[in-house]
Protein backbone atom coordinates (compact mmCIF):
# COMPACT_ATOMS: atom_id res chain seq x y z
CA MET A 1 0.00 0.00 0.00
CA GLN A 2 1.32 3.45 -0.95
CA THR A 3 1.78 6.03 1.80
CA ALA A 4 -0.21 9.26 1.64
CA PHE A 5 1.47 12.13 -0.18
CA LYS A 6 1.01 15.64 -1.54
CA PHE A 7 2.33 16.78 -4.93
CA PHE A 8 2.35 20.40 -6.15
CA HIS A 9 3.07 21.76 -9.57
CA SER A 10 1.70 24.94 -11.14
CA THR A 11 3.69 25.31 -14.39
CA HIS A 12 1.22 24.70 -17.21
CA CYS A 13 3.69 23.88 -19.96
CA ILE A 14 7.36 22.88 -20.18
CA GLN A 15 8.78 23.00 -23.69
CA TYR A 16 12.23 21.67 -24.54
CA GLY A 17 14.28 21.83 -27.70
CA PRO A 18 17.34 23.49 -29.21
CA GLY A 19 16.17 26.82 -30.61
CA CYS A 20 12.73 26.64 -28.95
CA LEU A 21 13.03 30.26 -27.80
CA ALA A 22 12.03 31.12 -31.37
CA ASP A 23 8.53 29.80 -30.63
CA LEU A 24 7.82 32.52 -28.06
CA PRO A 25 6.35 35.13 -30.48
CA ALA A 26 3.81 32.64 -31.86
CA ILE A 27 2.86 31.55 -28.34
CA ALA A 28 2.38 35.16 -27.25
CA ALA A 29 0.34 36.00 -30.35
CA ALA A 30 -1.93 32.99 -29.79
CA GLU A 31 -2.55 34.31 -26.27
CA LYS A 32 -3.35 37.76 -27.74
CA ARG A 33 -0.61 39.49 -25.75
CA ARG A 34 0.33 43.02 -26.73
CA LYS A 35 3.28 44.27 -24.63
CA ALA A 36 6.38 42.43 -23.43
CA ALA A 37 8.71 43.09 -20.50
CA VAL A 38 11.91 41.08 -20.32
CA LEU A 39 13.73 40.76 -16.99
CA MET A 40 17.16 39.57 -18.02
CA ASP A 41 20.34 38.54 -16.25
CA ALA A 42 22.72 41.48 -16.70
CA PHE A 43 25.26 39.09 -18.25
CA PHE A 44 23.10 38.90 -21.39
CA LEU A 45 22.16 42.58 -21.67
CA GLY A 46 23.54 44.13 -24.84
CA GLY A 47 24.53 40.75 -26.26
CA PRO A 48 23.18 38.32 -28.86
CA VAL A 49 20.47 36.90 -26.59
CA GLN A 50 18.97 40.35 -26.09
CA ASP A 51 19.32 41.10 -29.81
CA ARG A 52 17.54 37.86 -30.63
CA LEU A 53 14.66 38.65 -28.24
CA ALA A 54 14.39 42.26 -29.39
CA GLU A 55 13.98 41.11 -32.97
CA SER A 56 11.62 38.18 -32.31
CA LEU A 57 9.39 40.18 -29.93
CA LYS A 58 9.37 43.44 -31.87
CA GLU A 59 5.62 43.28 -32.47
CA PHE A 60 5.20 43.24 -28.66
CA SER A 61 7.29 46.42 -28.11
CA PRO A 62 9.60 44.76 -25.57
CA SER A 63 11.26 46.64 -22.73
CA PHE A 64 14.37 45.18 -21.12
CA HIS A 65 15.44 45.39 -17.50
CA ALA A 66 18.81 44.10 -16.26
CA VAL A 67 18.76 41.94 -13.13
CA PRO A 68 22.07 42.08 -11.22
CA GLN A 69 24.01 38.82 -11.19
CA HIS A 70 24.22 38.56 -7.41
CA GLU A 71 21.63 36.59 -5.47
CA PRO A 72 18.29 38.48 -5.39
CA ASP A 73 17.62 40.97 -2.63
CA THR A 74 14.86 43.40 -1.73
CA ASP A 75 16.47 46.28 -3.67
CA THR A 76 16.79 44.13 -6.80
CA VAL A 77 13.17 43.02 -6.54
CA ASP A 78 11.91 46.55 -5.96
CA ALA A 79 13.74 47.84 -9.04
CA ALA A 80 12.24 45.01 -11.12
CA ARG A 81 8.77 45.73 -9.72
CA LYS A 82 9.06 49.36 -10.81
CA ALA A 83 10.20 48.25 -14.27
CA LEU A 84 7.16 45.98 -14.62
CA ILE A 85 4.78 48.73 -13.49
CA ASP A 86 6.29 51.16 -16.00
CA ALA A 87 6.11 48.60 -18.81
CA GLU A 88 2.41 47.78 -18.28
CA ALA A 89 3.20 44.41 -19.84
CA ASP A 90 0.90 41.46 -20.27
CA LEU A 91 3.80 39.22 -21.36
CA ILE A 92 6.60 38.93 -18.77
CA VAL A 93 9.70 36.95 -19.69
CA ALA A 94 12.50 36.06 -17.25
CA VAL A 95 15.81 35.16 -18.90
CA GLY A 96 18.81 33.91 -16.95
CA GLY A 97 19.62 31.75 -13.96
CA GLY A 98 17.91 31.40 -10.63
CA SER A 99 18.58 34.98 -9.53
CA ALA A 100 16.82 36.47 -12.55
CA MET A 101 13.90 34.05 -12.30
CA ASP A 102 13.41 34.46 -8.54
CA THR A 103 13.59 38.25 -8.94
CA ALA A 104 10.94 38.11 -11.64
CA LYS A 105 8.64 35.89 -9.59
CA ALA A 106 8.81 38.15 -6.56
CA ALA A 107 8.54 41.41 -8.55
CA ARG A 108 5.49 40.22 -10.46
CA MET A 109 3.75 39.26 -7.22
CA LEU A 110 4.45 42.73 -5.82
CA VAL A 111 2.73 44.29 -8.83
CA SER A 112 -0.50 42.41 -8.12
CA ASN A 113 -0.03 42.55 -4.32
CA PRO A 114 1.09 46.16 -3.73
CA GLY A 115 3.05 47.12 -0.67
CA PRO A 116 6.41 46.39 0.95
CA ILE A 117 7.94 43.01 0.15
CA GLU A 118 8.03 42.32 3.90
CA ASP A 119 4.22 42.15 3.84
CA ILE A 120 4.17 38.97 1.77
CA VAL A 121 7.41 37.20 2.71
CA GLY A 122 6.99 34.09 4.78
CA ALA A 123 3.43 33.65 3.49
CA MET A 124 4.18 30.03 2.64
CA GLY A 125 1.28 28.76 0.54
CA MET A 126 -1.03 31.59 1.61
CA PRO A 127 -3.13 33.19 -1.14
CA MET A 128 -1.58 35.96 -3.20
CA LEU A 129 -3.55 37.77 -5.88
CA PRO A 130 -2.51 36.53 -9.33
CA HIS A 131 -1.09 38.74 -12.05
CA GLU A 132 -2.85 38.34 -15.39
CA SER A 133 0.29 38.29 -17.53
CA LEU A 134 1.59 35.36 -19.52
CA PHE A 135 4.65 34.52 -17.40
CA VAL A 136 7.51 32.77 -19.21
CA ALA A 137 10.78 31.39 -17.87
CA VAL A 138 13.82 31.00 -20.12
CA PRO A 139 16.53 29.39 -17.96
CA THR A 140 20.05 29.81 -19.31
CA THR A 141 21.79 27.57 -16.77
CA ALA A 142 20.90 24.13 -15.44
CA GLY A 143 20.77 24.66 -11.71
CA THR A 144 18.06 26.18 -9.57
CA GLY A 145 14.95 24.69 -11.16
CA SER A 146 13.30 28.05 -10.46
CA GLU A 147 11.42 27.78 -13.74
CA VAL A 148 9.19 25.09 -12.20
CA SER A 149 9.09 26.02 -8.52
CA GLU A 150 6.45 28.07 -6.73
CA SER A 151 8.87 29.91 -4.46
CA ALA A 152 11.58 32.56 -4.43
CA VAL A 153 14.32 33.28 -1.90
CA ILE A 154 15.06 36.98 -1.41
CA ALA A 155 17.71 38.52 0.86
CA LYS A 156 16.77 41.58 2.89
CA VAL A 157 19.31 44.32 2.22
CA GLY A 158 21.37 45.27 5.26
CA THR A 159 20.62 42.07 7.17
CA ASP A 160 21.58 38.39 7.15
CA TYR A 161 17.91 37.47 6.68
CA LYS A 162 16.66 35.59 3.62
CA ALA A 163 12.92 35.59 3.08
CA VAL A 164 10.98 32.82 1.36
CA LEU A 165 7.99 33.70 -0.78
CA ARG A 166 5.73 30.90 -1.95
CA SER A 167 2.44 30.81 -3.80
CA ALA A 168 0.94 28.77 -6.62
CA ASN A 169 0.24 32.12 -8.31
CA MET A 170 3.95 32.91 -8.29
CA GLY A 171 5.02 30.16 -10.69
CA PHE A 172 5.72 30.50 -14.39
CA ARG A 173 3.01 29.36 -16.76
CA LEU A 174 5.48 28.38 -19.47
CA ALA A 175 9.10 27.25 -19.24
CA LEU A 176 11.16 27.24 -22.45
CA LEU A 177 14.22 25.01 -22.10
CA ASP A 178 16.57 25.97 -24.94
CA PRO A 179 20.05 24.43 -24.48
CA GLU A 180 21.57 26.74 -27.11
CA LEU A 181 21.38 29.64 -24.65
CA GLY A 182 23.88 28.19 -22.17
CA VAL A 183 26.89 27.61 -24.39
CA THR A 184 28.59 30.89 -23.37
CA ALA A 185 28.47 30.11 -19.64
CA PRO A 186 31.97 29.75 -18.14
CA PRO A 187 32.80 26.20 -16.95
CA HIS A 188 32.88 27.20 -13.27
CA VAL A 189 29.35 28.67 -13.59
CA THR A 190 28.12 25.52 -15.34
CA ALA A 191 29.68 23.37 -12.60
CA ALA A 192 28.27 25.30 -9.64
CA ALA A 193 24.80 25.57 -11.16
CA GLY A 194 24.83 21.91 -12.15
CA TYR A 195 25.88 20.76 -8.69
CA ASP A 196 23.02 22.81 -7.25
CA ALA A 197 20.67 20.75 -9.43
CA VAL A 198 22.40 17.54 -8.28
CA THR A 199 21.79 18.60 -4.67
CA HIS A 200 18.13 19.31 -5.39
CA ALA A 201 17.69 15.87 -6.93
CA ALA A 202 19.62 13.94 -4.27
CA GLU A 203 17.93 15.69 -1.34
CA ALA A 204 14.45 15.46 -2.86
CA PHE A 205 15.03 11.74 -3.45
CA THR A 206 16.12 11.10 0.16
CA SER A 207 13.65 13.48 1.83
CA LYS A 208 11.32 12.05 4.46
CA VAL A 209 8.37 13.29 2.37
CA ALA A 210 9.60 11.93 -0.98
CA ASN A 211 6.84 9.97 -2.68
CA VAL A 212 5.83 8.03 -5.78
CA MET A 213 5.39 11.27 -7.74
CA THR A 214 8.71 12.89 -6.82
CA ASP A 215 11.00 9.85 -6.76
CA PRO A 216 10.93 9.06 -10.51
CA LEU A 217 11.66 12.71 -11.34
CA ALA A 218 14.49 12.98 -8.82
CA ARG A 219 16.02 9.70 -9.97
CA SER A 220 15.87 10.66 -13.64
CA ALA A 221 17.40 14.04 -12.79
CA MET A 222 20.32 12.39 -11.00
CA GLU A 223 20.93 10.03 -13.91
CA LEU A 224 20.92 12.85 -16.46
CA LEU A 225 23.16 15.12 -14.40
CA ALA A 226 25.63 12.40 -13.42
CA ARG A 227 26.07 11.55 -17.08
CA SER A 228 26.08 14.99 -18.66
CA LEU A 229 27.45 17.52 -16.15
CA PRO A 230 31.06 16.32 -16.56
CA VAL A 231 30.63 16.36 -20.35
CA VAL A 232 29.34 19.92 -20.52
CA PHE A 233 32.01 21.03 -18.02
CA ASP A 234 34.65 19.84 -20.52
CA GLU A 235 32.71 20.70 -23.69
CA PRO A 236 30.67 23.91 -23.21
CA GLY A 237 29.28 23.72 -26.73
CA ASN A 238 27.89 20.19 -26.38
CA ILE A 239 24.19 20.87 -26.97
CA ALA A 240 23.07 17.32 -26.21
CA ALA A 241 24.77 17.36 -22.79
CA ARG A 242 23.48 20.85 -22.03
CA GLY A 243 20.00 19.65 -22.89
CA GLU A 244 20.22 16.71 -20.52
CA CYS A 245 21.40 19.02 -17.74
CA LEU A 246 18.54 21.45 -18.38
CA ILE A 247 16.00 18.63 -18.28
CA GLY A 248 17.59 17.17 -15.16
CA SER A 249 17.56 20.53 -13.42
CA MET A 250 13.89 21.00 -14.31
CA GLN A 251 12.96 17.52 -13.07
CA ALA A 252 14.80 18.13 -9.82
CA GLY A 253 12.93 21.42 -9.45
CA VAL A 254 9.55 19.73 -9.84
CA ALA A 255 10.60 17.05 -7.34
CA PHE A 256 11.82 19.36 -4.60
CA ASN A 257 8.81 21.67 -5.00
CA SER A 258 6.90 18.90 -3.20
CA ALA A 259 9.56 16.76 -1.47
CA HIS A 260 11.62 19.71 -0.23
CA LEU A 261 15.36 19.36 0.51
CA GLY A 262 17.54 18.61 3.53
CA LEU A 263 20.72 19.13 5.53
CA ALA A 264 22.96 20.33 2.69
CA HIS A 265 20.52 23.11 1.87
CA ALA A 266 20.21 24.05 5.53
CA ILE A 267 23.98 24.55 5.64
CA ALA A 268 24.08 26.25 2.22
CA GLY A 269 21.38 28.69 3.28
CA ALA A 270 23.37 29.74 6.32
CA LEU A 271 26.57 30.05 4.28
CA GLY A 272 24.79 32.29 1.80
CA ALA A 273 23.10 34.46 4.41
CA LEU A 274 26.10 34.91 6.69
CA HIS A 275 29.04 34.80 4.27
CA HIS A 276 27.49 35.36 0.82
CA VAL A 277 28.80 32.05 -0.49
CA PRO A 278 27.19 31.49 -3.93
CA HIS A 279 24.41 28.97 -3.54
CA GLY A 280 25.64 26.26 -5.93
CA LEU A 281 29.12 26.39 -4.46
CA ALA A 282 27.70 26.26 -0.92
CA ASN A 283 25.79 23.11 -1.81
CA ALA A 284 28.93 21.58 -3.31
CA LEU A 285 30.82 22.26 -0.08
CA ALA A 286 28.07 20.63 1.98
CA LEU A 287 26.50 17.77 0.02
CA PRO A 288 29.10 14.96 0.22
CA TRP A 289 29.54 15.49 3.96
CA SER A 290 25.78 15.79 4.51
CA MET A 291 25.20 12.52 2.70
CA ALA A 292 27.97 10.88 4.74
CA PHE A 293 26.06 11.98 7.84
CA ASN A 294 22.75 10.73 6.39
CA ASP A 295 24.18 7.40 5.21
CA PRO A 296 22.86 5.27 8.13
CA ALA A 297 19.31 6.43 7.37
CA LEU A 298 19.33 6.13 3.56
CA GLY A 299 18.55 2.42 3.20
CA ASP A 300 17.88 1.25 -0.35
CA LYS A 301 17.92 4.80 -1.63
CA GLY A 302 21.56 5.09 -0.62
CA GLU A 303 22.32 2.15 -2.90
CA VAL A 304 20.48 3.88 -5.75
CA LEU A 305 22.56 7.03 -5.31
CA ALA A 306 25.78 5.01 -5.09
CA GLY A 307 24.93 3.27 -8.34
CA ILE A 308 24.06 6.48 -10.18
CA PHE A 309 27.12 8.45 -9.04
CA GLY A 310 29.57 5.55 -9.08
CA GLY A 311 30.65 5.22 -5.45
CA SER A 312 30.63 2.61 -2.72
CA ASN A 313 27.96 4.76 -1.15
CA ALA A 314 26.11 8.00 -1.93
CA ALA A 315 28.69 10.26 -0.27
CA GLU A 316 31.61 8.80 -2.21
CA GLY A 317 29.82 9.11 -5.54
CA LEU A 318 28.84 12.72 -4.87
CA SER A 319 32.38 13.48 -3.70
CA ALA A 320 33.78 12.08 -6.95
CA LEU A 321 31.42 14.17 -9.08
CA ARG A 322 32.27 17.31 -7.10
CA HIS A 323 35.98 16.72 -7.68
CA ARG A 324 35.41 15.96 -11.36
CA VAL A 325 33.85 19.38 -12.00
CA GLY A 326 36.37 21.44 -10.06
CA LEU A 327 34.33 22.11 -6.90
CA ASP A 328 36.38 20.13 -4.36
CA LEU A 329 37.20 23.17 -2.22
CA SER A 330 37.75 24.06 1.42
CA LEU A 331 35.26 25.85 3.64
CA ASP A 332 38.23 27.85 4.98
CA ASP A 333 38.24 29.88 1.77
CA TYR A 334 34.86 31.33 2.76
CA VAL A 335 34.46 30.87 6.53
CA PRO A 336 37.92 31.20 8.09
CA GLY A 337 37.30 31.15 11.84
CA ASP A 338 35.83 28.94 14.57
CA ALA A 339 33.47 31.65 15.78
CA GLU A 340 32.10 32.14 12.27
CA ARG A 341 31.58 28.40 11.86
CA ASP A 342 29.71 28.34 15.18
CA LEU A 343 27.31 30.94 13.81
CA VAL A 344 26.83 28.98 10.57
CA ALA A 345 25.96 25.88 12.58
CA GLU A 346 23.49 27.89 14.64
CA GLY A 347 21.87 29.32 11.51
CA ALA A 348 21.67 25.97 9.75
CA SER A 349 20.11 24.34 12.81
CA LYS A 350 17.13 26.70 12.49
CA SER A 351 16.34 25.73 8.88
CA GLY A 352 12.99 24.18 8.14
CA GLN A 353 14.74 21.85 5.67
CA LEU A 354 15.98 19.77 8.61
CA LYS A 355 12.41 18.62 9.26
CA VAL A 356 12.52 16.43 6.15
CA ASN A 357 16.18 15.38 6.30
CA PRO A 358 16.36 11.57 6.56
CA ARG A 359 18.39 11.77 9.79
CA PRO A 360 17.87 14.32 12.59
CA ALA A 361 20.80 16.72 12.88
CA SER A 362 21.61 18.72 15.99
CA MET A 363 23.53 22.00 16.02
CA ALA A 364 26.51 20.17 17.54
CA GLU A 365 26.46 17.58 14.75
CA ILE A 366 26.23 20.30 12.11
CA ARG A 367 29.23 21.99 13.74
CA VAL A 368 31.23 18.75 13.32
CA ILE A 369 30.17 18.53 9.67
CA LEU A 370 31.37 22.10 9.11
CA GLU A 371 34.73 21.17 10.59
CA HIS A 372 35.04 18.32 8.08
CA MET A 373 34.01 20.65 5.24
CA ARG A 374 37.31 22.48 5.74
CA HIS A 375 39.07 19.53 4.06
CA PRO A 376 38.68 18.71 0.34
CA THR A 377 38.09 15.01 -0.25
CA GLY A 378 40.12 14.59 -3.42
CA GLY A 379 37.04 12.87 -4.83
CA ARG A 380 37.32 10.08 -2.25
CA GLN A 381 35.02 8.78 0.46
CA PRO A 382 34.21 11.45 3.09
CA HIS A 383 34.71 9.96 6.57
CA LEU A 384 32.83 11.67 9.39
CA ASN A 385 34.05 11.41 12.96
CA LEU A 386 30.68 11.45 14.71
């Protein structure tokens, strides 16, 4: 007998294919849209991706707004909100990685729910008034899965606080997965984003609330990413491998939207909030050690992960992949002192992600994990002294 479960997904359509961005004008015309606003990662502004969109959307009089490349914060969201209000658009397109997409999701919600962003943060699952635009995601990296999640994480400027916004009305209605758009990403960006997707898939798969809907997606995501992330790290122009990574990232995003995450993300969240460690890199620092901690509780799923990632157990396989894509780094490069690590452990211990981690983790145990994270594994088995 199957256990009870809940599964959430609000994206109406996911379209994949090399060059599929070219279909956007026809889709918008069929929806009788008249005015486009494009919120775009600043990396692409003034380049061929913007030129391509300006030409293809010219009948929709597109306006373009650059989203800063750092992780989204309240100032970034407020600037995007003002751009959307000025544009009076009924077609809103987010182009870029997770920062651009999360910024767009939050800004659009603030247009239809006026007021300070603080008024709607933390409203997990509570009703927010929808915005009547056609909302389209065009992810350019395989990482966050933001194109298919119903949430956004926004830092509050001047504090160490990161707010979570979540609503079914926040999600994109259409996600266009075009692997041609990612070929200019530097290898280190591809690696960090890809390992973020690996973490989403692995933690969704081992979550205490994983279920028959999320497990097949998480497993497929791990298989695609384990096979193709090393290839695209070595061969940035390999469209087939980029496509598999994009699909894997999307599947992982759908899975964790319902199954949630775990210990690695609890640690990564604290590293980002307290020390501004980029999210994908923070997950790479944490995941092999977190899975070593979780190993006694993984059961058959640990064997599945070991088989997919090619290790004697899940932690060794994930350690090998991390090393293979140049992310086998030391926590000391980002959190140099004992006192700072104490604060990271304290912050991570407060994360709601720990509720679904397969093994309970105390603040003291997290502190030991952080101590181990100071030492690269060389791609070998991480051994925890706990």
